[in-house]
Structures are given as structure tokens and as C-alpha cells.
Amino acid sequence: MNAPKTQRTPRDAEFDSLYDMPGHLIRRCHQISVALFHQECAAYEITPQQYAVLRVLATHNGVDQITAAGLAAFNRTTAGELVARLEQAGLLTRQDGSDDRRVKNLFITKAGRRLLKDINAGVHRVQERLLEPLDKAERRQFIASLARIAEVNNELSRAPLRPPRVRKGADVAGVT
């Protein structure tokens, strides 16, 4: 006797193919984004992750390493490795914290600021090339949708985005 066929709902059929799955497509877009970054920014010998740390420090100079990791949405181990490479390249410095010598505060150097200024056009070209298939309205909607997905699911990440903690008597960057 044949088992009755169950009727599929449109929702069941929505992700039948690997190539329709949002997670797979996001991963592929990330791969493309990284490839574009390396094409456009190869002369600067910097990775997208290192760029993110420098961008964080450009606006939150002097934060401790853990806060910088949270602002860039990196886990502590990854951030530590990135910071070590950036320090070795002379793009940032680490200084002992004033309250706790175990805490390392990070400061972007003049060379780091110059690199951000020099790489800016290449980074913008990456964004343009990545979004080239979309018109202006689609771009705004796509970015808004990605931001919403990231915000709503932030705590599910192995390295969630963490805004800086503001201590009493400290400025927004967490530096007194």
C-alpha cells in the first residue's frame, strides 16, 4: 500500500536547494567580499579583519583590547592575534592600563591613521563592486536587512558585537 503524499507548503519548499539557503548565500557573499578586498587593497598588505580593528581604534582610540574585540565582533583570541600583527607592523601600540597593568589599551599610530586614509578609496570600491548588481533602493534595503539580521541575532554569534562599557567619569571611548 502506498503512503499518502503529504502536501508541501510553500515554506517547506522555500529552502529546498543549498543555493536558496540564506546562510549559504551569506557565506558566499562573504567570500566574494574578502576576494574583492584583497584585489582592491592588496598594495596595503592588510586583511579585512585588521582593517576592522584599525577602524574601531580610529573612533575608539585607547580602548582596552577586550573592548576593541567586542566593537569589531571578534573573539578575544582572534583579536589578540590581529593586535599583535598590527603592533608589529607599527599600525597600533599597546600600553598598560592606568588602573590595571594586565589590561592593554590600544592606540592607533600615525602610520595606522595614514593607512586608513590611503586605503579608504579601495575599501569604498569593494563596497561598490559588491553591491553593483543592486540599484540604490535595493542597496539600502539589502544593507538594512543585513543590519537587522545581525542585530536581532547578535547574541547567537560566537563573537557578538559589544559596544564599549561607559564607566563613570569616562568618555564614550572608555578612556578617562
N, C-alpha and C. Protein backbone atom coordinates (compact mmCIF):
# COMPACT_ATOMS: atom_id res chain seq x y z
N MET A 1 0.84 -1.17 0.00
CA MET A 1 0.00 0.00 0.00
C MET A 1 0.89 1.24 0.00
N ASN A 2 0.58 2.18 -0.87
CA ASN A 2 1.36 3.41 -0.97
C ASN A 2 0.98 4.37 0.13
N ALA A 3 2.00 4.98 0.71
CA ALA A 3 1.75 6.01 1.73
C ALA A 3 1.19 7.25 1.04
N PRO A 4 0.26 7.92 1.69
CA PRO A 4 -0.29 9.12 1.07
C PRO A 4 0.79 10.21 0.97
N LYS A 5 0.76 10.94 -0.12
CA LYS A 5 1.70 12.04 -0.29
C LYS A 5 1.25 13.20 0.58
N THR A 6 2.20 13.76 1.27
CA THR A 6 1.86 14.95 2.06
C THR A 6 2.01 16.17 1.16
N GLN A 7 1.13 17.08 1.37
CA GLN A 7 1.18 18.29 0.57
C GLN A 7 2.23 19.22 1.17
N ARG A 8 3.10 19.74 0.31
CA ARG A 8 4.16 20.63 0.77
C ARG A 8 3.65 22.05 0.79
N THR A 9 3.99 22.73 1.83
CA THR A 9 3.63 24.15 1.89
C THR A 9 4.72 24.95 1.19
N PRO A 10 4.41 26.15 0.76
CA PRO A 10 5.44 27.00 0.13
C PRO A 10 6.64 27.20 1.06
N ARG A 11 6.42 27.27 2.34
CA ARG A 11 7.51 27.46 3.31
C ARG A 11 8.45 26.26 3.29
N ASP A 12 7.89 25.03 3.17
CA ASP A 12 8.73 23.84 3.12
C ASP A 12 9.64 23.85 1.89
N ALA A 13 9.14 24.33 0.79
CA ALA A 13 9.88 24.32 -0.46
C ALA A 13 10.85 25.50 -0.56
N GLU A 14 10.73 26.46 0.33
CA GLU A 14 11.50 27.70 0.22
C GLU A 14 13.00 27.46 0.20
N PHE A 15 13.51 26.54 1.00
CA PHE A 15 14.95 26.33 1.12
C PHE A 15 15.35 24.92 0.67
N ASP A 16 14.68 24.41 -0.36
CA ASP A 16 14.99 23.07 -0.86
C ASP A 16 16.42 22.97 -1.37
N SER A 17 16.89 23.99 -2.03
CA SER A 17 18.21 23.95 -2.63
C SER A 17 19.22 24.63 -1.73
N LEU A 18 20.41 24.10 -1.68
CA LEU A 18 21.51 24.73 -0.96
C LEU A 18 21.67 26.17 -1.43
N TYR A 19 21.44 26.39 -2.71
CA TYR A 19 21.68 27.69 -3.32
C TYR A 19 20.56 28.70 -3.04
N ASP A 20 19.54 28.28 -2.30
CA ASP A 20 18.48 29.18 -1.85
C ASP A 20 18.57 29.45 -0.35
N MET A 21 19.53 28.83 0.32
CA MET A 21 19.63 28.97 1.77
C MET A 21 20.36 30.26 2.13
N PRO A 22 19.74 31.10 2.95
CA PRO A 22 20.37 32.38 3.30
C PRO A 22 21.77 32.22 3.90
N GLY A 23 21.95 31.24 4.77
CA GLY A 23 23.28 31.05 5.37
C GLY A 23 24.34 30.76 4.33
N HIS A 24 24.01 29.92 3.38
CA HIS A 24 24.96 29.58 2.31
C HIS A 24 25.25 30.81 1.45
N LEU A 25 24.20 31.55 1.11
CA LEU A 25 24.39 32.74 0.28
C LEU A 25 25.19 33.82 1.01
N ILE A 26 24.96 33.98 2.31
CA ILE A 26 25.73 34.95 3.10
C ILE A 26 27.19 34.54 3.12
N ARG A 27 27.46 33.25 3.30
CA ARG A 27 28.85 32.78 3.31
C ARG A 27 29.51 33.04 1.96
N ARG A 28 28.79 32.77 0.86
CA ARG A 28 29.34 33.02 -0.47
C ARG A 28 29.61 34.51 -0.68
N CYS A 29 28.68 35.35 -0.24
CA CYS A 29 28.88 36.80 -0.37
C CYS A 29 30.08 37.25 0.46
N HIS A 30 30.27 36.65 1.62
CA HIS A 30 31.44 36.97 2.43
C HIS A 30 32.72 36.60 1.68
N GLN A 31 32.74 35.43 1.08
CA GLN A 31 33.91 35.02 0.30
C GLN A 31 34.20 36.02 -0.82
N ILE A 32 33.16 36.45 -1.49
CA ILE A 32 33.31 37.41 -2.58
C ILE A 32 33.82 38.74 -2.04
N SER A 33 33.27 39.18 -0.92
CA SER A 33 33.70 40.43 -0.31
C SER A 33 35.18 40.40 0.07
N VAL A 34 35.62 39.30 0.65
CA VAL A 34 37.03 39.16 1.02
C VAL A 34 37.91 39.16 -0.24
N ALA A 35 37.48 38.46 -1.27
CA ALA A 35 38.25 38.44 -2.52
C ALA A 35 38.36 39.85 -3.11
N LEU A 36 37.27 40.59 -3.11
CA LEU A 36 37.30 41.96 -3.61
C LEU A 36 38.22 42.84 -2.77
N PHE A 37 38.19 42.66 -1.45
CA PHE A 37 39.06 43.43 -0.56
C PHE A 37 40.52 43.17 -0.93
N HIS A 38 40.86 41.91 -1.12
CA HIS A 38 42.25 41.58 -1.45
C HIS A 38 42.64 42.13 -2.83
N GLN A 39 41.71 42.15 -3.77
CA GLN A 39 42.00 42.73 -5.08
C GLN A 39 42.24 44.24 -4.99
N GLU A 40 41.33 44.92 -4.31
CA GLU A 40 41.38 46.39 -4.26
C GLU A 40 42.44 46.93 -3.29
N CYS A 41 42.78 46.15 -2.29
CA CYS A 41 43.64 46.66 -1.21
C CYS A 41 44.95 45.88 -1.06
N ALA A 42 45.30 45.11 -2.06
CA ALA A 42 46.49 44.25 -1.98
C ALA A 42 47.76 45.04 -1.68
N ALA A 43 47.87 46.23 -2.22
CA ALA A 43 49.09 47.03 -2.04
C ALA A 43 49.33 47.41 -0.57
N TYR A 44 48.28 47.34 0.25
CA TYR A 44 48.40 47.78 1.65
C TYR A 44 48.78 46.66 2.60
N GLU A 45 48.79 45.43 2.11
CA GLU A 45 49.18 44.27 2.90
C GLU A 45 48.45 44.23 4.25
N ILE A 46 47.14 44.29 4.17
CA ILE A 46 46.29 44.26 5.36
C ILE A 46 45.07 43.40 5.05
N THR A 47 44.58 42.71 6.05
CA THR A 47 43.39 41.87 5.89
C THR A 47 42.14 42.66 6.25
N PRO A 48 40.97 42.19 5.83
CA PRO A 48 39.74 42.86 6.24
C PRO A 48 39.58 42.91 7.76
N GLN A 49 40.04 41.87 8.46
CA GLN A 49 39.92 41.84 9.91
C GLN A 49 40.84 42.88 10.55
N GLN A 50 42.06 43.02 10.04
CA GLN A 50 42.98 44.03 10.56
C GLN A 50 42.42 45.42 10.29
N TYR A 51 41.85 45.61 9.12
CA TYR A 51 41.22 46.88 8.77
C TYR A 51 40.12 47.21 9.79
N ALA A 52 39.32 46.22 10.15
CA ALA A 52 38.23 46.44 11.10
C ALA A 52 38.77 46.91 12.45
N VAL A 53 39.85 46.32 12.92
CA VAL A 53 40.43 46.74 14.20
C VAL A 53 40.91 48.18 14.11
N LEU A 54 41.58 48.53 13.02
CA LEU A 54 42.04 49.91 12.86
C LEU A 54 40.88 50.89 12.80
N ARG A 55 39.81 50.50 12.11
CA ARG A 55 38.62 51.38 12.04
C ARG A 55 38.01 51.58 13.43
N VAL A 56 37.98 50.51 14.22
CA VAL A 56 37.47 50.63 15.59
C VAL A 56 38.33 51.62 16.36
N LEU A 57 39.65 51.49 16.26
CA LEU A 57 40.54 52.37 17.01
C LEU A 57 40.50 53.81 16.50
N ALA A 58 40.17 54.00 15.25
CA ALA A 58 40.06 55.35 14.71
C ALA A 58 38.96 56.14 15.41
N THR A 59 37.96 55.44 15.88
CA THR A 59 36.85 56.13 16.57
C THR A 59 36.80 55.85 18.06
N HIS A 60 37.55 54.84 18.53
CA HIS A 60 37.56 54.48 19.96
C HIS A 60 39.00 54.30 20.43
N ASN A 61 39.85 55.24 20.07
CA ASN A 61 41.26 55.13 20.39
C ASN A 61 41.47 55.04 21.90
N GLY A 62 42.32 54.10 22.32
CA GLY A 62 42.64 53.96 23.73
C GLY A 62 41.80 52.95 24.47
N VAL A 63 40.86 52.30 23.79
CA VAL A 63 40.06 51.27 24.47
C VAL A 63 40.95 50.08 24.78
N ASP A 64 40.52 49.29 25.73
CA ASP A 64 41.28 48.08 26.04
C ASP A 64 41.03 47.04 24.94
N GLN A 65 41.89 46.05 24.93
CA GLN A 65 41.86 45.04 23.86
C GLN A 65 40.55 44.27 23.84
N ILE A 66 39.97 43.97 25.00
CA ILE A 66 38.71 43.23 25.05
C ILE A 66 37.57 44.07 24.47
N THR A 67 37.56 45.37 24.79
CA THR A 67 36.53 46.25 24.24
C THR A 67 36.69 46.37 22.73
N ALA A 68 37.92 46.50 22.25
CA ALA A 68 38.16 46.57 20.80
C ALA A 68 37.66 45.31 20.12
N ALA A 69 37.90 44.16 20.74
CA ALA A 69 37.41 42.90 20.17
C ALA A 69 35.88 42.92 20.07
N GLY A 70 35.21 43.39 21.11
CA GLY A 70 33.76 43.47 21.10
C GLY A 70 33.22 44.43 20.06
N LEU A 71 33.92 45.56 19.89
CA LEU A 71 33.47 46.55 18.91
C LEU A 71 33.65 46.06 17.47
N ALA A 72 34.62 45.19 17.25
CA ALA A 72 34.84 44.64 15.91
C ALA A 72 34.15 43.29 15.75
N ALA A 73 33.51 42.80 16.81
CA ALA A 73 32.83 41.50 16.81
C ALA A 73 33.80 40.36 16.52
N PHE A 74 34.94 40.37 17.21
CA PHE A 74 35.93 39.30 17.15
C PHE A 74 36.02 38.64 18.50
N ASN A 75 36.35 37.36 18.52
CA ASN A 75 36.60 36.74 19.81
C ASN A 75 37.97 37.21 20.31
N ARG A 76 38.22 37.02 21.59
CA ARG A 76 39.43 37.56 22.21
C ARG A 76 40.70 37.00 21.60
N THR A 77 40.71 35.72 21.28
CA THR A 77 41.90 35.09 20.71
C THR A 77 42.22 35.69 19.35
N THR A 78 41.21 35.79 18.49
CA THR A 78 41.41 36.38 17.16
C THR A 78 41.88 37.82 17.29
N ALA A 79 41.24 38.57 18.18
CA ALA A 79 41.63 39.97 18.36
C ALA A 79 43.07 40.07 18.83
N GLY A 80 43.47 39.20 19.74
CA GLY A 80 44.85 39.22 20.24
C GLY A 80 45.85 39.00 19.12
N GLU A 81 45.55 38.05 18.23
CA GLU A 81 46.44 37.77 17.10
C GLU A 81 46.48 38.96 16.13
N LEU A 82 45.32 39.56 15.87
CA LEU A 82 45.27 40.71 14.97
C LEU A 82 46.04 41.89 15.55
N VAL A 83 45.85 42.14 16.84
CA VAL A 83 46.53 43.24 17.51
C VAL A 83 48.04 43.04 17.46
N ALA A 84 48.49 41.83 17.71
CA ALA A 84 49.94 41.55 17.67
C ALA A 84 50.51 41.85 16.28
N ARG A 85 49.81 41.46 15.24
CA ARG A 85 50.29 41.72 13.88
C ARG A 85 50.28 43.21 13.56
N LEU A 86 49.22 43.90 13.99
CA LEU A 86 49.13 45.34 13.73
C LEU A 86 50.20 46.11 14.52
N GLU A 87 50.49 45.65 15.72
CA GLU A 87 51.55 46.29 16.52
C GLU A 87 52.91 46.06 15.86
N GLN A 88 53.14 44.84 15.41
CA GLN A 88 54.40 44.50 14.74
C GLN A 88 54.58 45.35 13.47
N ALA A 89 53.49 45.66 12.79
CA ALA A 89 53.54 46.47 11.57
C ALA A 89 53.64 47.97 11.88
N GLY A 90 53.56 48.33 13.16
CA GLY A 90 53.66 49.74 13.54
C GLY A 90 52.38 50.53 13.33
N LEU A 91 51.25 49.82 13.24
CA LEU A 91 49.97 50.49 12.99
C LEU A 91 49.19 50.79 14.26
N LEU A 92 49.57 50.15 15.36
CA LEU A 92 48.99 50.46 16.66
C LEU A 92 50.03 50.18 17.74
N THR A 93 49.76 50.72 18.91
CA THR A 93 50.60 50.44 20.08
C THR A 93 49.72 49.94 21.20
N ARG A 94 50.31 49.15 22.08
CA ARG A 94 49.63 48.66 23.29
C ARG A 94 50.32 49.30 24.48
N GLN A 95 49.50 49.76 25.41
CA GLN A 95 50.03 50.34 26.64
C GLN A 95 49.30 49.75 27.82
N ASP A 96 50.02 49.57 28.92
CA ASP A 96 49.39 49.08 30.13
C ASP A 96 48.30 50.05 30.56
N GLY A 97 47.20 49.50 31.07
CA GLY A 97 46.12 50.32 31.58
C GLY A 97 46.55 51.06 32.83
N SER A 98 45.97 52.22 33.05
CA SER A 98 46.35 53.01 34.22
C SER A 98 45.85 52.38 35.52
N ASP A 99 44.71 51.73 35.48
CA ASP A 99 44.14 51.11 36.68
C ASP A 99 44.63 49.69 36.90
N ASP A 100 44.93 48.99 35.83
CA ASP A 100 45.29 47.57 35.91
C ASP A 100 46.33 47.27 34.84
N ARG A 101 47.53 46.93 35.26
CA ARG A 101 48.63 46.70 34.32
C ARG A 101 48.39 45.48 33.43
N ARG A 102 47.46 44.60 33.83
CA ARG A 102 47.14 43.44 32.99
C ARG A 102 46.31 43.84 31.78
N VAL A 103 45.63 44.97 31.88
CA VAL A 103 44.79 45.48 30.79
C VAL A 103 45.69 46.21 29.81
N LYS A 104 45.50 45.91 28.54
CA LYS A 104 46.27 46.58 27.49
C LYS A 104 45.34 47.50 26.71
N ASN A 105 45.65 48.79 26.72
CA ASN A 105 44.89 49.75 25.94
C ASN A 105 45.57 49.90 24.58
N LEU A 106 44.76 50.07 23.55
CA LEU A 106 45.25 50.12 22.18
C LEU A 106 45.13 51.52 21.61
N PHE A 107 46.18 51.93 20.92
CA PHE A 107 46.21 53.26 20.33
C PHE A 107 46.68 53.14 18.88
N ILE A 108 45.91 53.73 17.98
CA ILE A 108 46.29 53.74 16.57
C ILE A 108 47.45 54.72 16.41
N THR A 109 48.41 54.36 15.61
CA THR A 109 49.57 55.22 15.38
C THR A 109 49.32 56.14 14.20
N LYS A 110 50.25 57.08 13.98
CA LYS A 110 50.16 57.94 12.80
C LYS A 110 50.18 57.09 11.53
N ALA A 111 51.01 56.06 11.53
CA ALA A 111 51.07 55.17 10.36
C ALA A 111 49.73 54.46 10.16
N GLY A 112 49.08 54.07 11.25
CA GLY A 112 47.77 53.43 11.16
C GLY A 112 46.72 54.37 10.60
N ARG A 113 46.73 55.62 11.07
CA ARG A 113 45.78 56.61 10.55
C ARG A 113 46.05 56.90 9.07
N ARG A 114 47.32 56.99 8.71
CA ARG A 114 47.68 57.23 7.31
C ARG A 114 47.20 56.07 6.44
N LEU A 115 47.39 54.84 6.93
CA LEU A 115 46.94 53.68 6.16
C LEU A 115 45.42 53.73 5.96
N LEU A 116 44.67 54.06 7.00
CA LEU A 116 43.21 54.15 6.86
C LEU A 116 42.83 55.20 5.81
N LYS A 117 43.53 56.32 5.83
CA LYS A 117 43.26 57.37 4.84
C LYS A 117 43.59 56.88 3.43
N ASP A 118 44.74 56.22 3.29
CA ASP A 118 45.18 55.75 1.98
C ASP A 118 44.32 54.62 1.42
N ILE A 119 43.83 53.75 2.29
CA ILE A 119 43.07 52.57 1.85
C ILE A 119 41.59 52.88 1.62
N ASN A 120 41.16 54.04 2.07
CA ASN A 120 39.74 54.40 2.04
C ASN A 120 39.11 54.23 0.66
N ALA A 121 39.75 54.71 -0.37
CA ALA A 121 39.17 54.62 -1.73
C ALA A 121 39.01 53.15 -2.15
N GLY A 122 40.01 52.32 -1.83
CA GLY A 122 39.92 50.90 -2.17
C GLY A 122 38.79 50.21 -1.44
N VAL A 123 38.62 50.54 -0.17
CA VAL A 123 37.54 49.94 0.62
C VAL A 123 36.18 50.35 0.06
N HIS A 124 36.06 51.60 -0.35
CA HIS A 124 34.80 52.04 -0.96
C HIS A 124 34.55 51.33 -2.29
N ARG A 125 35.61 51.10 -3.06
CA ARG A 125 35.44 50.35 -4.32
C ARG A 125 34.96 48.93 -4.04
N VAL A 126 35.45 48.32 -2.97
CA VAL A 126 34.99 46.97 -2.59
C VAL A 126 33.48 46.99 -2.39
N GLN A 127 33.00 47.96 -1.62
CA GLN A 127 31.56 48.04 -1.33
C GLN A 127 30.76 48.25 -2.61
N GLU A 128 31.25 49.14 -3.46
CA GLU A 128 30.56 49.42 -4.73
C GLU A 128 30.52 48.18 -5.61
N ARG A 129 31.65 47.50 -5.73
CA ARG A 129 31.69 46.31 -6.59
C ARG A 129 30.79 45.21 -6.04
N LEU A 130 30.78 45.05 -4.73
CA LEU A 130 29.95 44.02 -4.11
C LEU A 130 28.47 44.28 -4.37
N LEU A 131 28.07 45.53 -4.28
CA LEU A 131 26.65 45.89 -4.42
C LEU A 131 26.27 46.30 -5.85
N GLU A 132 27.21 46.21 -6.77
CA GLU A 132 26.98 46.63 -8.15
C GLU A 132 25.71 46.06 -8.78
N PRO A 133 25.35 44.80 -8.52
CA PRO A 133 24.14 44.26 -9.15
C PRO A 133 22.84 44.90 -8.66
N LEU A 134 22.89 45.67 -7.59
CA LEU A 134 21.68 46.24 -6.99
C LEU A 134 21.54 47.72 -7.32
N ASP A 135 20.29 48.17 -7.52
CA ASP A 135 20.08 49.60 -7.69
C ASP A 135 20.10 50.27 -6.30
N LYS A 136 20.01 51.59 -6.25
CA LYS A 136 20.15 52.32 -4.98
C LYS A 136 19.13 51.89 -3.94
N ALA A 137 17.89 51.72 -4.34
CA ALA A 137 16.85 51.31 -3.38
C ALA A 137 17.12 49.90 -2.87
N GLU A 138 17.52 49.01 -3.76
CA GLU A 138 17.83 47.64 -3.36
C GLU A 138 19.03 47.61 -2.41
N ARG A 139 20.01 48.46 -2.67
CA ARG A 139 21.18 48.54 -1.79
C ARG A 139 20.78 48.95 -0.37
N ARG A 140 19.97 50.00 -0.29
CA ARG A 140 19.52 50.46 1.04
C ARG A 140 18.75 49.35 1.76
N GLN A 141 17.87 48.67 1.04
CA GLN A 141 17.08 47.60 1.64
C GLN A 141 17.97 46.43 2.05
N PHE A 142 18.92 46.06 1.21
CA PHE A 142 19.83 44.96 1.50
C PHE A 142 20.64 45.25 2.75
N ILE A 143 21.23 46.44 2.83
CA ILE A 143 22.03 46.82 4.00
C ILE A 143 21.16 46.85 5.24
N ALA A 144 19.96 47.42 5.13
CA ALA A 144 19.05 47.47 6.27
C ALA A 144 18.66 46.07 6.73
N SER A 145 18.43 45.17 5.79
CA SER A 145 18.07 43.79 6.13
C SER A 145 19.23 43.07 6.80
N LEU A 146 20.43 43.20 6.25
CA LEU A 146 21.60 42.58 6.87
C LEU A 146 21.82 43.12 8.28
N ALA A 147 21.70 44.44 8.45
CA ALA A 147 21.89 45.05 9.77
C ALA A 147 20.86 44.53 10.76
N ARG A 148 19.63 44.39 10.31
CA ARG A 148 18.57 43.89 11.20
C ARG A 148 18.82 42.43 11.60
N ILE A 149 19.20 41.60 10.64
CA ILE A 149 19.51 40.20 10.93
C ILE A 149 20.66 40.12 11.94
N ALA A 150 21.71 40.90 11.70
CA ALA A 150 22.87 40.89 12.60
C ALA A 150 22.49 41.38 14.00
N GLU A 151 21.70 42.43 14.07
CA GLU A 151 21.31 42.99 15.37
C GLU A 151 20.42 42.03 16.16
N VAL A 152 19.41 41.50 15.51
CA VAL A 152 18.46 40.61 16.20
C VAL A 152 19.13 39.32 16.65
N ASN A 153 20.09 38.85 15.88
CA ASN A 153 20.75 37.58 16.19
C ASN A 153 22.14 37.76 16.82
N ASN A 154 22.46 38.95 17.24
CA ASN A 154 23.80 39.26 17.76
C ASN A 154 24.26 38.27 18.83
N GLU A 155 23.41 37.95 19.75
CA GLU A 155 23.81 37.09 20.88
C GLU A 155 24.05 35.64 20.47
N LEU A 156 23.63 35.27 19.28
CA LEU A 156 23.88 33.91 18.79
C LEU A 156 25.29 33.74 18.24
N SER A 157 25.96 34.85 17.99
CA SER A 157 27.30 34.82 17.41
C SER A 157 28.32 34.32 18.43
N ARG A 158 29.33 33.63 17.94
CA ARG A 158 30.44 33.23 18.81
C ARG A 158 31.24 34.44 19.25
N ALA A 159 31.13 35.54 18.52
CA ALA A 159 31.81 36.79 18.85
C ALA A 159 30.85 37.94 18.61
N PRO A 160 29.89 38.14 19.52
CA PRO A 160 28.90 39.19 19.30
C PRO A 160 29.51 40.59 19.35
N LEU A 161 28.85 41.50 18.65
CA LEU A 161 29.21 42.90 18.71
C LEU A 161 28.93 43.39 20.12
N ARG A 162 29.90 44.06 20.72
CA ARG A 162 29.76 44.58 22.07
C ARG A 162 30.14 46.05 22.09
N PRO A 163 29.17 46.93 22.36
CA PRO A 163 29.52 48.35 22.47
C PRO A 163 30.38 48.57 23.71
N PRO A 164 31.15 49.65 23.72
CA PRO A 164 32.02 49.88 24.89
C PRO A 164 31.20 50.16 26.14
N ARG A 165 31.72 49.68 27.25
CA ARG A 165 31.10 50.00 28.54
C ARG A 165 31.56 51.38 28.94
N VAL A 166 30.63 52.21 29.33
CA VAL A 166 30.98 53.56 29.77
C VAL A 166 31.06 53.55 31.29
N ARG A 167 32.27 53.81 31.78
CA ARG A 167 32.47 53.89 33.23
C ARG A 167 32.19 55.30 33.69
N LYS A 168 31.79 55.42 34.91
CA LYS A 168 31.55 56.74 35.49
C LYS A 168 32.84 57.55 35.41
N GLY A 169 32.74 58.76 34.87
CA GLY A 169 33.90 59.61 34.75
C GLY A 169 34.73 59.34 33.51
N ALA A 170 34.23 58.47 32.62
CA ALA A 170 34.97 58.15 31.39
C ALA A 170 34.22 58.70 30.19
N ASP A 171 34.96 58.97 29.12
CA ASP A 171 34.28 59.41 27.90
C ASP A 171 33.72 58.19 27.18
N VAL A 172 33.11 58.40 26.03
CA VAL A 172 32.45 57.31 25.30
C VAL A 172 33.41 56.20 24.92
N ALA A 173 34.66 56.55 24.64
CA ALA A 173 35.64 55.55 24.24
C ALA A 173 36.14 54.73 25.42
N GLY A 174 35.72 55.07 26.63
CA GLY A 174 36.14 54.32 27.80
C GLY A 174 37.48 54.77 28.33
N VAL A 175 37.94 55.94 27.88
CA VAL A 175 39.22 56.47 28.33
C VAL A 175 38.96 57.67 29.21
N THR A 176 39.57 57.70 30.38
CA THR A 176 39.37 58.83 31.28
C THR A 176 40.30 59.96 30.95
